[in-house]
């Protein structure tokens, strides 16, 4: 069964940092593009970042640009999302998703992703 599972969420303080992990089972993450999305209370799910499997090119939403980094550890079949300088508005459920698409512009759309995790809650509050 192909699935992805997120972990690493929790309660963080403003200005702090987080590292979320997305582990794949049933398939090789290296051969798939990966996106991170988030959904804040009362808001629609939005894209945070994505990485293409073809050349490793990345996209970051303006809201996290300069604060977030997406990376892969192929040996661990894991993709990470690192974020620093956390803000209260970063509070959301964070999801990772896998896609066979390699075109970065298409990866910004949730419709490009076939496999989604259950999400991990991140709460940024003092």
PDB file of N, CA and C in Angstrom:
ATOM      1  N   UNK A   1       0.845  -1.191   0.000  1.00  0.00           N
ATOM      2  CA  UNK A   1       0.000   0.000   0.000  1.00  0.00           C
ATOM      3  C   UNK A   1       0.880   1.240   0.000  1.00  0.00           C
ATOM      4  N   UNK A   2       0.602   2.146  -0.911  1.00  0.00           N
ATOM      5  CA  UNK A   2       1.395   3.362  -1.024  1.00  0.00           C
ATOM      6  C   UNK A   2       0.824   4.425  -0.106  1.00  0.00           C
ATOM      7  N   UNK A   3       1.679   4.966   0.744  1.00  0.00           N
ATOM      8  CA  UNK A   3       1.236   6.032   1.629  1.00  0.00           C
ATOM      9  C   UNK A   3       2.401   6.884   2.077  1.00  0.00           C
ATOM     10  N   UNK A   4       2.066   8.086   2.531  1.00  0.00           N
ATOM     11  CA  UNK A   4       3.052   8.971   3.135  1.00  0.00           C
ATOM     12  C   UNK A   4       2.548   9.335   4.531  1.00  0.00           C
ATOM     13  N   UNK A   5       3.476   9.493   5.438  1.00  0.00           N
ATOM     14  CA  UNK A   5       3.141   9.803   6.817  1.00  0.00           C
ATOM     15  C   UNK A   5       3.998  10.972   7.285  1.00  0.00           C
ATOM     16  N   UNK A   6       3.327  11.982   7.817  1.00  0.00           N
ATOM     17  CA  UNK A   6       4.025  13.149   8.338  1.00  0.00           C
ATOM     18  C   UNK A   6       4.270  12.998   9.837  1.00  0.00           C
ATOM     19  N   UNK A   7       5.315  13.651  10.294  1.00  0.00           N
ATOM     20  CA  UNK A   7       5.594  13.711  11.727  1.00  0.00           C
ATOM     21  C   UNK A   7       6.411  14.966  12.005  1.00  0.00           C
ATOM     22  N   UNK A   8       6.509  15.288  13.270  1.00  0.00           N
ATOM     23  CA  UNK A   8       7.336  16.417  13.685  1.00  0.00           C
ATOM     24  C   UNK A   8       6.569  17.631  14.137  1.00  0.00           C
ATOM     25  N   UNK A   9       5.260  17.577  14.069  1.00  0.00           N
ATOM     26  CA  UNK A   9       4.472  18.714  14.508  1.00  0.00           C
ATOM     27  C   UNK A   9       4.467  18.836  16.021  1.00  0.00           C
ATOM     28  N   UNK A  10       3.832  19.890  16.490  1.00  0.00           N
ATOM     29  CA  UNK A  10       3.754  20.126  17.927  1.00  0.00           C
ATOM     30  C   UNK A  10       3.544  21.595  18.197  1.00  0.00           C
ATOM     31  N   UNK A  11       3.804  21.974  19.449  1.00  0.00           N
ATOM     32  CA  UNK A  11       3.668  23.371  19.854  1.00  0.00           C
ATOM     33  C   UNK A  11       5.032  24.038  19.826  1.00  0.00           C
ATOM     34  N   UNK A  12       5.094  25.160  19.155  1.00  0.00           N
ATOM     35  CA  UNK A  12       6.342  25.899  19.056  1.00  0.00           C
ATOM     36  C   UNK A  12       6.111  27.357  19.422  1.00  0.00           C
ATOM     37  N   UNK A  13       7.162  28.016  19.789  1.00  0.00           N
ATOM     38  CA  UNK A  13       7.066  29.428  20.122  1.00  0.00           C
ATOM     39  C   UNK A  13       7.393  30.292  18.911  1.00  0.00           C
ATOM     40  N   UNK A  14       6.806  31.471  18.839  1.00  0.00           N
ATOM     41  CA  UNK A  14       7.170  32.404  17.767  1.00  0.00           C
ATOM     42  C   UNK A  14       8.675  32.636  17.752  1.00  0.00           C
ATOM     43  N   UNK A  15       9.212  32.654  16.548  1.00  0.00           N
ATOM     44  CA  UNK A  15      10.648  32.799  16.403  1.00  0.00           C
ATOM     45  C   UNK A  15      11.410  31.504  16.425  1.00  0.00           C
ATOM     46  N   UNK A  16      10.728  30.431  16.771  1.00  0.00           N
ATOM     47  CA  UNK A  16      11.362  29.127  16.831  1.00  0.00           C
ATOM     48  C   UNK A  16      11.450  28.471  15.466  1.00  0.00           C
ATOM     49  N   UNK A  17      11.803  27.205  15.476  1.00  0.00           N
ATOM     50  CA  UNK A  17      11.947  26.469  14.232  1.00  0.00           C
ATOM     51  C   UNK A  17      11.285  25.104  14.333  1.00  0.00           C
ATOM     52  N   UNK A  18      11.050  24.506  13.193  1.00  0.00           N
ATOM     53  CA  UNK A  18      10.459  23.168  13.160  1.00  0.00           C
ATOM     54  C   UNK A  18      11.097  22.358  12.043  1.00  0.00           C
ATOM     55  N   UNK A  19      10.980  21.063  12.180  1.00  0.00           N
ATOM     56  CA  UNK A  19      11.401  20.137  11.138  1.00  0.00           C
ATOM     57  C   UNK A  19      10.334  19.072  11.017  1.00  0.00           C
ATOM     58  N   UNK A  20       9.645  19.099   9.913  1.00  0.00           N
ATOM     59  CA  UNK A  20       8.638  18.086   9.644  1.00  0.00           C
ATOM     60  C   UNK A  20       9.220  17.032   8.716  1.00  0.00           C
ATOM     61  N   UNK A  21       8.812  15.803   8.939  1.00  0.00           N
ATOM     62  CA  UNK A  21       9.271  14.690   8.110  1.00  0.00           C
ATOM     63  C   UNK A  21       8.099  14.079   7.364  1.00  0.00           C
ATOM     64  N   UNK A  22       8.381  13.626   6.170  1.00  0.00           N
ATOM     65  CA  UNK A  22       7.390  12.927   5.341  1.00  0.00           C
ATOM     66  C   UNK A  22       8.044  11.631   4.884  1.00  0.00           C
ATOM     67  N   UNK A  23       7.568  10.524   5.445  1.00  0.00           N
ATOM     68  CA  UNK A  23       8.134   9.217   5.139  1.00  0.00           C
ATOM     69  C   UNK A  23       7.189   8.456   4.238  1.00  0.00           C
ATOM     70  N   UNK A  24       7.743   7.869   3.207  1.00  0.00           N
ATOM     71  CA  UNK A  24       6.931   7.102   2.261  1.00  0.00           C
ATOM     72  C   UNK A  24       7.044   5.614   2.544  1.00  0.00           C
ATOM     73  N   UNK A  25       5.974   4.922   2.300  1.00  0.00           N
ATOM     74  CA  UNK A  25       5.999   3.465   2.346  1.00  0.00           C
ATOM     75  C   UNK A  25       5.266   2.933   1.129  1.00  0.00           C
ATOM     76  N   UNK A  26       5.772   1.834   0.607  1.00  0.00           N
ATOM     77  CA  UNK A  26       5.151   1.242  -0.570  1.00  0.00           C
ATOM     78  C   UNK A  26       5.641   1.807  -1.886  1.00  0.00           C
ATOM     79  N   UNK A  27       6.454   2.839  -1.828  1.00  0.00           N
ATOM     80  CA  UNK A  27       7.030   3.397  -3.047  1.00  0.00           C
ATOM     81  C   UNK A  27       8.271   4.198  -2.681  1.00  0.00           C
ATOM     82  N   UNK A  28       9.037   4.572  -3.702  1.00  0.00           N
ATOM     83  CA  UNK A  28      10.285   5.295  -3.490  1.00  0.00           C
ATOM     84  C   UNK A  28      10.054   6.784  -3.682  1.00  0.00           C
ATOM     85  N   UNK A  29      10.271   7.537  -2.612  1.00  0.00           N
ATOM     86  CA  UNK A  29      10.043   8.980  -2.677  1.00  0.00           C
ATOM     87  C   UNK A  29      10.939   9.657  -3.716  1.00  0.00           C
ATOM     88  N   UNK A  30      12.117   9.123  -3.909  1.00  0.00           N
ATOM     89  CA  UNK A  30      13.073   9.734  -4.834  1.00  0.00           C
ATOM     90  C   UNK A  30      12.483   9.870  -6.230  1.00  0.00           C
ATOM     91  N   UNK A  31      11.595   8.970  -6.587  1.00  0.00           N
ATOM     92  CA  UNK A  31      11.026   8.959  -7.932  1.00  0.00           C
ATOM     93  C   UNK A  31       9.724   9.744  -8.032  1.00  0.00           C
ATOM     94  N   UNK A  32       9.400  10.433  -6.957  1.00  0.00           N
ATOM     95  CA  UNK A  32       8.185  11.232  -6.936  1.00  0.00           C
ATOM     96  C   UNK A  32       8.479  12.663  -6.507  1.00  0.00           C
ATOM     97  N   UNK A  33       7.709  13.569  -7.045  1.00  0.00           N
ATOM     98  CA  UNK A  33       7.755  14.936  -6.562  1.00  0.00           C
ATOM     99  C   UNK A  33       6.942  15.025  -5.280  1.00  0.00           C
ATOM    100  N   UNK A  34       7.362  15.890  -4.404  1.00  0.00           N
ATOM    101  CA  UNK A  34       6.725  16.009  -3.097  1.00  0.00           C
ATOM    102  C   UNK A  34       6.333  17.446  -2.831  1.00  0.00           C
ATOM    103  N   UNK A  35       5.163  17.600  -2.283  1.00  0.00           N
ATOM    104  CA  UNK A  35       4.698  18.916  -1.890  1.00  0.00           C
ATOM    105  C   UNK A  35       4.310  18.935  -0.429  1.00  0.00           C
ATOM    106  N   UNK A  36       4.485  20.091   0.188  1.00  0.00           N
ATOM    107  CA  UNK A  36       3.975  20.331   1.533  1.00  0.00           C
ATOM    108  C   UNK A  36       2.864  21.376   1.419  1.00  0.00           C
ATOM    109  N   UNK A  37       1.759  21.083   2.077  1.00  0.00           N
ATOM    110  CA  UNK A  37       0.620  21.972   2.106  1.00  0.00           C
ATOM    111  C   UNK A  37       0.236  22.190   3.554  1.00  0.00           C
ATOM    112  N   UNK A  38      -0.571  23.198   3.811  1.00  0.00           N
ATOM    113  CA  UNK A  38      -1.051  23.429   5.167  1.00  0.00           C
ATOM    114  C   UNK A  38      -2.454  24.001   5.135  1.00  0.00           C
ATOM    115  N   UNK A  39      -3.172  23.727   6.212  1.00  0.00           N
ATOM    116  CA  UNK A  39      -4.524  24.241   6.337  1.00  0.00           C
ATOM    117  C   UNK A  39      -4.696  24.825   7.724  1.00  0.00           C
ATOM    118  N   UNK A  40      -4.898  26.117   7.768  1.00  0.00           N
ATOM    119  CA  UNK A  40      -5.124  26.807   9.031  1.00  0.00           C
ATOM    120  C   UNK A  40      -6.609  26.748   9.367  1.00  0.00           C
ATOM    121  N   UNK A  41      -6.947  26.910  10.631  1.00  0.00           N
ATOM    122  CA  UNK A  41      -8.360  26.867  11.024  1.00  0.00           C
ATOM    123  C   UNK A  41      -9.185  27.879  10.242  1.00  0.00           C
ATOM    124  N   UNK A  42     -10.280  27.404   9.660  1.00  0.00           N
ATOM    125  CA  UNK A  42     -11.174  28.280   8.937  1.00  0.00           C
ATOM    126  C   UNK A  42     -10.697  28.716   7.575  1.00  0.00           C
ATOM    127  N   UNK A  43      -9.578  28.180   7.124  1.00  0.00           N
ATOM    128  CA  UNK A  43      -9.023  28.570   5.828  1.00  0.00           C
ATOM    129  C   UNK A  43      -8.879  27.365   4.910  1.00  0.00           C
ATOM    130  N   UNK A  44      -8.740  27.638   3.633  1.00  0.00           N
ATOM    131  CA  UNK A  44      -8.520  26.577   2.672  1.00  0.00           C
ATOM    132  C   UNK A  44      -7.069  26.089   2.754  1.00  0.00           C
ATOM    133  N   UNK A  45      -6.880  24.858   2.341  1.00  0.00           N
ATOM    134  CA  UNK A  45      -5.527  24.318   2.302  1.00  0.00           C
ATOM    135  C   UNK A  45      -4.714  25.049   1.238  1.00  0.00           C
ATOM    136  N   UNK A  46      -3.487  25.362   1.573  1.00  0.00           N
ATOM    137  CA  UNK A  46      -2.637  26.121   0.665  1.00  0.00           C
ATOM    138  C   UNK A  46      -1.278  25.458   0.522  1.00  0.00           C
ATOM    139  N   UNK A  47      -0.635  25.716  -0.604  1.00  0.00           N
ATOM    140  CA  UNK A  47       0.678  25.164  -0.835  1.00  0.00           C
ATOM    141  C   UNK A  47       1.747  25.915  -0.071  1.00  0.00           C
ATOM    142  N   UNK A  48       2.714  25.178   0.437  1.00  0.00           N
ATOM    143  CA  UNK A  48       3.831  25.753   1.166  1.00  0.00           C
ATOM    144  C   UNK A  48       5.100  25.664   0.321  1.00  0.00           C
ATOM    145  N   UNK A  49       5.405  24.467  -0.127  1.00  0.00           N
ATOM    146  CA  UNK A  49       6.609  24.247  -0.915  1.00  0.00           C
ATOM    147  C   UNK A  49       6.495  22.929  -1.650  1.00  0.00           C
ATOM    148  N   UNK A  50       7.292  22.752  -2.672  1.00  0.00           N
ATOM    149  CA  UNK A  50       7.336  21.489  -3.388  1.00  0.00           C
ATOM    150  C   UNK A  50       8.701  21.318  -4.033  1.00  0.00           C
ATOM    151  N   UNK A  51       9.011  20.056  -4.324  1.00  0.00           N
ATOM    152  CA  UNK A  51      10.282  19.743  -4.957  1.00  0.00           C
ATOM    153  C   UNK A  51      10.039  18.742  -6.073  1.00  0.00           C
ATOM    154  N   UNK A  52      10.578  19.026  -7.228  1.00  0.00           N
ATOM    155  CA  UNK A  52      10.382  18.165  -8.388  1.00  0.00           C
ATOM    156  C   UNK A  52      11.372  17.008  -8.354  1.00  0.00           C
ATOM    157  N   UNK A  53      10.899  15.833  -8.741  1.00  0.00           N
ATOM    158  CA  UNK A  53      11.767  14.660  -8.755  1.00  0.00           C
ATOM    159  C   UNK A  53      12.729  14.666  -9.933  1.00  0.00           C
ATOM    160  N   UNK A  54      12.449  15.493 -10.938  1.00  0.00           N
ATOM    161  CA  UNK A  54      13.269  15.446 -12.151  1.00  0.00           C
ATOM    162  C   UNK A  54      14.617  16.115 -11.964  1.00  0.00           C
ATOM    163  N   UNK A  55      14.620  17.300 -11.335  1.00  0.00           N
ATOM    164  CA  UNK A  55      15.870  18.043 -11.215  1.00  0.00           C
ATOM    165  C   UNK A  55      16.062  18.676  -9.848  1.00  0.00           C
ATOM    166  N   UNK A  56      15.144  18.371  -8.931  1.00  0.00           N
ATOM    167  CA  UNK A  56      15.267  18.931  -7.591  1.00  0.00           C
ATOM    168  C   UNK A  56      14.880  20.387  -7.483  1.00  0.00           C
ATOM    169  N   UNK A  57      14.287  20.934  -8.535  1.00  0.00           N
ATOM    170  CA  UNK A  57      13.864  22.329  -8.464  1.00  0.00           C
ATOM    171  C   UNK A  57      12.761  22.474  -7.424  1.00  0.00           C
ATOM    172  N   UNK A  58      12.702  23.632  -6.821  1.00  0.00           N
ATOM    173  CA  UNK A  58      11.790  23.864  -5.717  1.00  0.00           C
ATOM    174  C   UNK A  58      10.967  25.126  -5.916  1.00  0.00           C
ATOM    175  N   UNK A  59       9.857  25.136  -5.214  1.00  0.00           N
ATOM    176  CA  UNK A  59       8.986  26.307  -5.170  1.00  0.00           C
ATOM    177  C   UNK A  59       8.654  26.578  -3.707  1.00  0.00           C
ATOM    178  N   UNK A  60       8.594  27.856  -3.350  1.00  0.00           N
ATOM    179  CA  UNK A  60       8.180  28.249  -2.009  1.00  0.00           C
ATOM    180  C   UNK A  60       7.106  29.324  -2.111  1.00  0.00           C
ATOM    181  N   UNK A  61       6.076  29.175  -1.298  1.00  0.00           N
ATOM    182  CA  UNK A  61       5.068  30.219  -1.223  1.00  0.00           C
ATOM    183  C   UNK A  61       5.704  31.483  -0.639  1.00  0.00           C
ATOM    184  N   UNK A  62       5.177  32.622  -1.032  1.00  0.00           N
ATOM    185  CA  UNK A  62       5.711  33.888  -0.539  1.00  0.00           C
ATOM    186  C   UNK A  62       5.687  33.954   0.992  1.00  0.00           C
ATOM    187  N   UNK A  63       4.679  33.322   1.581  1.00  0.00           N
ATOM    188  CA  UNK A  63       4.516  33.395   3.035  1.00  0.00           C
ATOM    189  C   UNK A  63       5.640  32.701   3.798  1.00  0.00           C
ATOM    190  N   UNK A  64       6.371  31.803   3.133  1.00  0.00           N
ATOM    191  CA  UNK A  64       7.445  31.074   3.822  1.00  0.00           C
ATOM    192  C   UNK A  64       8.798  31.268   3.169  1.00  0.00           C
ATOM    193  N   UNK A  65       8.840  32.004   2.068  1.00  0.00           N
ATOM    194  CA  UNK A  65      10.091  32.187   1.332  1.00  0.00           C
ATOM    195  C   UNK A  65      11.144  32.817   2.239  1.00  0.00           C
ATOM    196  N   UNK A  66      12.311  32.234   2.248  1.00  0.00           N
ATOM    197  CA  UNK A  66      13.388  32.707   3.101  1.00  0.00           C
ATOM    198  C   UNK A  66      13.380  32.088   4.482  1.00  0.00           C
ATOM    199  N   UNK A  67      12.299  31.420   4.841  1.00  0.00           N
ATOM    200  CA  UNK A  67      12.197  30.784   6.162  1.00  0.00           C
ATOM    201  C   UNK A  67      12.096  29.273   6.073  1.00  0.00           C
ATOM    202  N   UNK A  68      11.752  28.768   4.891  1.00  0.00           N
ATOM    203  CA  UNK A  68      11.504  27.336   4.741  1.00  0.00           C
ATOM    204  C   UNK A  68      12.503  26.714   3.773  1.00  0.00           C
ATOM    205  N   UNK A  69      12.796  25.439   4.025  1.00  0.00           N
ATOM    206  CA  UNK A  69      13.649  24.662   3.125  1.00  0.00           C
ATOM    207  C   UNK A  69      13.083  23.265   3.017  1.00  0.00           C
ATOM    208  N   UNK A  70      12.902  22.801   1.797  1.00  0.00           N
ATOM    209  CA  UNK A  70      12.480  21.425   1.556  1.00  0.00           C
ATOM    210  C   UNK A  70      13.704  20.640   1.097  1.00  0.00           C
ATOM    211  N   UNK A  71      13.840  19.429   1.619  1.00  0.00           N
ATOM    212  CA  UNK A  71      15.007  18.623   1.277  1.00  0.00           C
ATOM    213  C   UNK A  71      14.647  17.150   1.303  1.00  0.00           C
ATOM    214  N   UNK A  72      15.485  16.354   0.656  1.00  0.00           N
ATOM    215  CA  UNK A  72      15.265  14.910   0.601  1.00  0.00           C
ATOM    216  C   UNK A  72      16.422  14.160   1.259  1.00  0.00           C
ATOM    217  N   UNK A  73      16.098  13.021   1.848  1.00  0.00           N
ATOM    218  CA  UNK A  73      17.099  12.035   2.245  1.00  0.00           C
ATOM    219  C   UNK A  73      16.655  10.735   1.598  1.00  0.00           C
ATOM    220  N   UNK A  74      17.183  10.481   0.419  1.00  0.00           N
ATOM    221  CA  UNK A  74      16.719   9.315  -0.335  1.00  0.00           C
ATOM    222  C   UNK A  74      17.008   8.005   0.387  1.00  0.00           C
ATOM    223  N   UNK A  75      18.081   7.957   1.130  1.00  0.00           N
ATOM    224  CA  UNK A  75      18.413   6.727   1.858  1.00  0.00           C
ATOM    225  C   UNK A  75      17.357   6.395   2.906  1.00  0.00           C
ATOM    226  N   UNK A  76      16.706   7.436   3.417  1.00  0.00           N
ATOM    227  CA  UNK A  76      15.668   7.227   4.432  1.00  0.00           C
ATOM    228  C   UNK A  76      14.274   7.320   3.837  1.00  0.00           C
ATOM    229  N   UNK A  77      14.211   7.503   2.513  1.00  0.00           N
ATOM    230  CA  UNK A  77      12.905   7.629   1.849  1.00  0.00           C
ATOM    231  C   UNK A  77      12.047   8.703   2.501  1.00  0.00           C
ATOM    232  N   UNK A  78      12.698   9.813   2.801  1.00  0.00           N
ATOM    233  CA  UNK A  78      12.072  10.865   3.592  1.00  0.00           C
ATOM    234  C   UNK A  78      12.318  12.236   2.951  1.00  0.00           C
ATOM    235  N   UNK A  79      11.305  13.068   3.030  1.00  0.00           N
ATOM    236  CA  UNK A  79      11.434  14.471   2.645  1.00  0.00           C
ATOM    237  C   UNK A  79      11.173  15.313   3.882  1.00  0.00           C
ATOM    238  N   UNK A  80      11.947  16.362   4.034  1.00  0.00           N
ATOM    239  CA  UNK A  80      11.837  17.223   5.210  1.00  0.00           C
ATOM    240  C   UNK A  80      11.356  18.617   4.822  1.00  0.00           C
ATOM    241  N   UNK A  81      10.676  19.221   5.773  1.00  0.00           N
ATOM    242  CA  UNK A  81      10.364  20.639   5.685  1.00  0.00           C
ATOM    243  C   UNK A  81      10.947  21.294   6.921  1.00  0.00           C
ATOM    244  N   UNK A  82      11.932  22.145   6.720  1.00  0.00           N
ATOM    245  CA  UNK A  82      12.494  22.927   7.805  1.00  0.00           C
ATOM    246  C   UNK A  82      11.991  24.359   7.693  1.00  0.00           C
ATOM    247  N   UNK A  83      11.551  24.902   8.808  1.00  0.00           N
ATOM    248  CA  UNK A  83      11.105  26.294   8.853  1.00  0.00           C
ATOM    249  C   UNK A  83      11.667  26.959  10.081  1.00  0.00           C
ATOM    250  N   UNK A  84      12.086  28.199   9.936  1.00  0.00           N
ATOM    251  CA  UNK A  84      12.555  28.965  11.084  1.00  0.00           C
ATOM    252  C   UNK A  84      11.781  30.268  11.171  1.00  0.00           C
ATOM    253  N   UNK A  85      12.114  31.050  12.170  1.00  0.00           N
ATOM    254  CA  UNK A  85      11.426  32.331  12.407  1.00  0.00           C
ATOM    255  C   UNK A  85       9.916  32.149  12.361  1.00  0.00           C
ATOM    256  N   UNK A  86       9.445  31.139  13.076  1.00  0.00           N
ATOM    257  CA  UNK A  86       8.026  30.801  13.028  1.00  0.00           C
ATOM    258  C   UNK A  86       7.149  31.951  13.499  1.00  0.00           C
ATOM    259  N   UNK A  87       5.993  32.042  12.867  1.00  0.00           N
ATOM    260  CA  UNK A  87       5.011  33.070  13.168  1.00  0.00           C
ATOM    261  C   UNK A  87       3.719  32.408  13.630  1.00  0.00           C
ATOM    262  N   UNK A  88       2.916  33.104  14.409  1.00  0.00           N
ATOM    263  CA  UNK A  88       1.617  32.511  14.794  1.00  0.00           C
ATOM    264  C   UNK A  88       0.791  32.111  13.577  1.00  0.00           C
ATOM    265  N   UNK A  89       0.923  32.832  12.493  1.00  0.00           N
ATOM    266  CA  UNK A  89       0.154  32.487  11.301  1.00  0.00           C
ATOM    267  C   UNK A  89       0.663  31.245  10.586  1.00  0.00           C
ATOM    268  N   UNK A  90       1.742  30.661  11.075  1.00  0.00           N
ATOM    269  CA  UNK A  90       2.187  29.368  10.560  1.00  0.00           C
ATOM    270  C   UNK A  90       1.404  28.218  11.198  1.00  0.00           C
ATOM    271  N   UNK A  91       0.571  28.537  12.163  1.00  0.00           N
ATOM    272  CA  UNK A  91      -0.251  27.526  12.810  1.00  0.00           C
ATOM    273  C   UNK A  91      -1.199  26.890  11.794  1.00  0.00           C
ATOM    274  N   UNK A  92      -1.116  25.573  11.676  1.00  0.00           N
ATOM    275  CA  UNK A  92      -1.922  24.859  10.681  1.00  0.00           C
ATOM    276  C   UNK A  92      -1.662  23.367  10.816  1.00  0.00           C
ATOM    277  N   UNK A  93      -2.490  22.599  10.132  1.00  0.00           N
ATOM    278  CA  UNK A  93      -2.185  21.192   9.912  1.00  0.00           C
ATOM    279  C   UNK A  93      -1.359  21.128   8.627  1.00  0.00           C
ATOM    280  N   UNK A  94      -0.199  20.490   8.726  1.00  0.00           N
ATOM    281  CA  UNK A  94       0.704  20.392   7.590  1.00  0.00           C
ATOM    282  C   UNK A  94       0.604  19.002   6.971  1.00  0.00           C
ATOM    283  N   UNK A  95       0.472  18.982   5.667  1.00  0.00           N
ATOM    284  CA  UNK A  95       0.333  17.746   4.918  1.00  0.00           C
ATOM    285  C   UNK A  95       1.467  17.610   3.913  1.00  0.00           C
ATOM    286  N   UNK A  96       1.953  16.399   3.730  1.00  0.00           N
ATOM    287  CA  UNK A  96       2.817  16.150   2.588  1.00  0.00           C
ATOM    288  C   UNK A  96       2.046  15.292   1.591  1.00  0.00           C
ATOM    289  N   UNK A  97       2.441  15.409   0.343  1.00  0.00           N
ATOM    290  CA  UNK A  97       1.754  14.694  -0.719  1.00  0.00           C
ATOM    291  C   UNK A  97       2.763  14.325  -1.795  1.00  0.00           C
ATOM    292  N   UNK A  98       2.482  13.238  -2.490  1.00  0.00           N
ATOM    293  CA  UNK A  98       3.378  12.735  -3.530  1.00  0.00           C
ATOM    294  C   UNK A  98       2.707  12.795  -4.892  1.00  0.00           C
ATOM    295  N   UNK A  99       3.523  13.109  -5.883  1.00  0.00           N
ATOM    296  CA  UNK A  99       2.998  13.274  -7.241  1.00  0.00           C
ATOM    297  C   UNK A  99       3.969  12.671  -8.249  1.00  0.00           C
ATOM    298  N   UNK A 100       3.418  12.155  -9.331  1.00  0.00           N
ATOM    299  CA  UNK A 100       4.259  11.669 -10.423  1.00  0.00           C
ATOM    300  C   UNK A 100       4.614  12.801 -11.392  1.00  0.00           C
ATOM    301  N   UNK A 101       4.004  13.946 -11.207  1.00  0.00           N
ATOM    302  CA  UNK A 101       4.286  15.110 -12.046  1.00  0.00           C
ATOM    303  C   UNK A 101       5.673  15.660 -11.739  1.00  0.00           C
ATOM    304  N   UNK A 102       6.362  16.142 -12.752  1.00  0.00           N
ATOM    305  CA  UNK A 102       7.686  16.709 -12.542  1.00  0.00           C
ATOM    306  C   UNK A 102       7.732  18.200 -12.849  1.00  0.00           C
ATOM    307  N   UNK A 103       6.660  18.731 -13.443  1.00  0.00           N
ATOM    308  CA  UNK A 103       6.633  20.134 -13.826  1.00  0.00           C
ATOM    309  C   UNK A 103       6.329  20.986 -12.604  1.00  0.00           C
ATOM    310  N   UNK A 104       7.249  21.884 -12.281  1.00  0.00           N
ATOM    311  CA  UNK A 104       7.151  22.626 -11.030  1.00  0.00           C
ATOM    312  C   UNK A 104       5.881  23.466 -10.958  1.00  0.00           C
ATOM    313  N   UNK A 105       5.502  24.085 -12.044  1.00  0.00           N
ATOM    314  CA  UNK A 105       4.296  24.920 -12.007  1.00  0.00           C
ATOM    315  C   UNK A 105       3.059  24.078 -11.704  1.00  0.00           C
ATOM    316  N   UNK A 106       3.018  22.862 -12.232  1.00  0.00           N
ATOM    317  CA  UNK A 106       1.877  21.974 -11.964  1.00  0.00           C
ATOM    318  C   UNK A 106       1.889  21.491 -10.520  1.00  0.00           C
ATOM    319  N   UNK A 107       3.062  21.372  -9.947  1.00  0.00           N
ATOM    320  CA  UNK A 107       3.172  20.878  -8.577  1.00  0.00           C
ATOM    321  C   UNK A 107       2.645  21.873  -7.566  1.00  0.00           C
ATOM    322  N   UNK A 108       2.391  23.089  -7.976  1.00  0.00           N
ATOM    323  CA  UNK A 108       1.802  24.071  -7.069  1.00  0.00           C
ATOM    324  C   UNK A 108       0.318  23.805  -6.860  1.00  0.00           C
ATOM    325  N   UNK A 109      -0.267  22.952  -7.693  1.00  0.00           N
ATOM    326  CA  UNK A 109      -1.688  22.625  -7.599  1.00  0.00           C
ATOM    327  C   UNK A 109      -1.902  21.336  -6.823  1.00  0.00           C
ATOM    328  N   UNK A 110      -2.840  21.369  -5.901  1.00  0.00           N
ATOM    329  CA  UNK A 110      -3.138  20.174  -5.102  1.00  0.00           C
ATOM    330  C   UNK A 110      -3.644  19.032  -5.973  1.00  0.00           C
ATOM    331  N   UNK A 111      -4.233  19.380  -7.107  1.00  0.00           N
ATOM    332  CA  UNK A 111      -4.785  18.356  -7.990  1.00  0.00           C
ATOM    333  C   UNK A 111      -3.705  17.485  -8.621  1.00  0.00           C
ATOM    334  N   UNK A 112      -2.454  17.907  -8.533  1.00  0.00           N
ATOM    335  CA  UNK A 112      -1.368  17.125  -9.115  1.00  0.00           C
ATOM    336  C   UNK A 112      -0.922  15.969  -8.236  1.00  0.00           C
ATOM    337  N   UNK A 113      -1.448  15.891  -7.028  1.00  0.00           N
ATOM    338  CA  UNK A 113      -0.961  14.934  -6.045  1.00  0.00           C
ATOM    339  C   UNK A 113      -1.935  13.784  -5.848  1.00  0.00           C
ATOM    340  N   UNK A 114      -1.404  12.569  -5.884  1.00  0.00           N
ATOM    341  CA  UNK A 114      -2.246  11.379  -5.750  1.00  0.00           C
ATOM    342  C   UNK A 114      -2.261  10.813  -4.339  1.00  0.00           C
ATOM    343  N   UNK A 115      -1.173  11.023  -3.612  1.00  0.00           N
ATOM    344  CA  UNK A 115      -1.061  10.416  -2.289  1.00  0.00           C
ATOM    345  C   UNK A 115      -0.851  11.503  -1.243  1.00  0.00           C
ATOM    346  N   UNK A 116      -1.689  11.455  -0.220  1.00  0.00           N
ATOM    347  CA  UNK A 116      -1.669  12.455   0.834  1.00  0.00           C
ATOM    348  C   UNK A 116      -1.525  11.785   2.193  1.00  0.00           C
ATOM    349  N   UNK A 117      -0.789  12.454   3.064  1.00  0.00           N
ATOM    350  CA  UNK A 117      -0.726  11.991   4.431  1.00  0.00           C
ATOM    351  C   UNK A 117      -1.906  12.505   5.230  1.00  0.00           C
ATOM    352  N   UNK A 118      -1.960  12.107   6.488  1.00  0.00           N
ATOM    353  CA  UNK A 118      -3.058  12.502   7.372  1.00  0.00           C
ATOM    354  C   UNK A 118      -2.826  13.871   7.999  1.00  0.00           C
ATOM    355  N   UNK A 119      -1.610  14.364   7.898  1.00  0.00           N
ATOM    356  CA  UNK A 119      -1.324  15.687   8.429  1.00  0.00           C
ATOM    357  C   UNK A 119      -0.727  15.648   9.824  1.00  0.00           C
ATOM    358  N   UNK A 120       0.005  16.705  10.147  1.00  0.00           N
ATOM    359  CA  UNK A 120       0.564  16.869  11.483  1.00  0.00           C
ATOM    360  C   UNK A 120       0.312  18.309  11.918  1.00  0.00           C
ATOM    361  N   UNK A 121      -0.167  18.454  13.151  1.00  0.00           N
ATOM    362  CA  UNK A 121      -0.562  19.776  13.638  1.00  0.00           C
ATOM    363  C   UNK A 121       0.673  20.554  14.096  1.00  0.00           C
ATOM    364  N   UNK A 122       0.757  21.785  13.651  1.00  0.00           N
ATOM    365  CA  UNK A 122       1.782  22.719  14.115  1.00  0.00           C
ATOM    366  C   UNK A 122       1.075  23.919  14.723  1.00  0.00           C
ATOM    367  N   UNK A 123       1.401  24.211  15.962  1.00  0.00           N
ATOM    368  CA  UNK A 123       0.814  25.349  16.653  1.00  0.00           C
ATOM    369  C   UNK A 123       1.931  26.277  17.111  1.00  0.00           C
ATOM    370  N   UNK A 124       1.870  27.516  16.664  1.00  0.00           N
ATOM    371  CA  UNK A 124       2.888  28.504  17.030  1.00  0.00           C
ATOM    372  C   UNK A 124       2.222  29.530  17.934  1.00  0.00           C
ATOM    373  N   UNK A 125       2.628  29.520  19.178  1.00  0.00           N
ATOM    374  CA  UNK A 125       1.987  30.394  20.152  1.00  0.00           C
ATOM    375  C   UNK A 125       2.921  30.628  21.322  1.00  0.00           C
ATOM    376  N   UNK A 126       2.814  31.815  21.906  1.00  0.00           N
ATOM    377  CA  UNK A 126       3.609  32.093  23.091  1.00  0.00           C
ATOM    378  C   UNK A 126       2.810  31.772  24.350  1.00  0.00           C
TER     379      UNK A 126
END
